[in-house]
Amino acid sequence: MDLAYIPSPSTGVIHLGPIPLRGYAFCIIIGVFVAVWYGNRRWIARGGTAGTVADIAVWAVPFGLVGGRLYHVITDYQLYFSEGENWVDAFKIWEGGLGIWGAIALGAVGAWIGCRRRGIPLPAYADAIAPGIALAQAVGRWGNWFNQELYGRATDLPWALRISEGANREAGTYHPTFLYESLWCVGVALLVVWADRRFKLGHGRAFALYVAAYCAGRGWIEYMRVDEAHHVLGLRLNVWTAIVVFLLAVVYIVVSSKIRPGREEIVEPKAEKTPEASEKAGEPDGGGSDEDADGDAKPDAPSGAVDLGKDVEHGAGKS
């Protein structure tokens, strides 16, 4: 008899009349909101203007959703194009199935388009939104809980996830890999915020740190999962992807720090330096130091625990 476990919801959808409200979709939507909200705070603290992050997200989010779905469908094509399967299900994104690798890759293309239209350097934008993306993933992973999917090996630990009998799954208690990854992503966000404040990361290095840290966790979490997946040399495909992307991110951090040390002084060239904008960026009227605009503590400021709010305490914007 199980003394303790994490229960799974009896259903992942609630019907409001003829309208289905799906938990998976809600988690994705909330995650996007968190990423844009927190990214906006960081962007203002870096000297940008309010609303820029949301404007660029209009491009990045749809591209990211398409990219995430494409990666999932391509790497798990047997679920949709093998004998007895319905290829139309490949379009049913609400049933689950988004690959973060494809979402980030194609989302970056959308962000590049949005940044180009606004005359903004993509690396600076990526640095601003990096912790927000990690938090969005932390929220989005709970969509797997609603769908009772992507769990790990069987276990009798007190925090085991209870899975009910269903299509392609057996009832039992399993490792809650969705929870492991959600907590890991929160840790990644805190790490990036701390490192960004401590080392003044710029030119895409904060984003690269997020990528490397996420991949380090995704590798061992992916190894625990028991859902069907393609294997290469005995390892799941996503484990290899995590290893390769981790190495690329680390190489980028090292090479970038040598080629372009420091941090961008101006992140939004077209932003008007009005007294109101200066106040929002944490500067007194008439300008201030670049360090203040970046939202960092001054050299003589006491150090303390990492706090997401402190990352923008010199910026406007507390909503």
Foldseek 3Di string as FASTA:
>chain_A
DAPAEAEFDPAQWDDPDPDIDGNLVVLLVVLLVQLLVQLQLLCLLLLHDHPLSVQLVVQLVVQLQVQQLVVQCVFPVCQAPNPPHPVVCSPVCSLDGGHNVRSVVRSLVSSVVSCVVQVFDSLQSLLSRQLSNLLSLLSSLCSCSNNVDFFFAADSDNHWYFDDDDPPDHTGTTHGLSNQLSVQSNVLSLVLLVCCQVQVDARNLSNLSSLLSSLVSCLVSNQGTDDDGDDDPRHGPSNVVSVVSNVVSVVCNVVCCVVPNHHDLDRRVPDDPDQVSCQQNLHHPPDDDSSSSSLHDPPPDDDDRRDSVSRNPSGDDDD
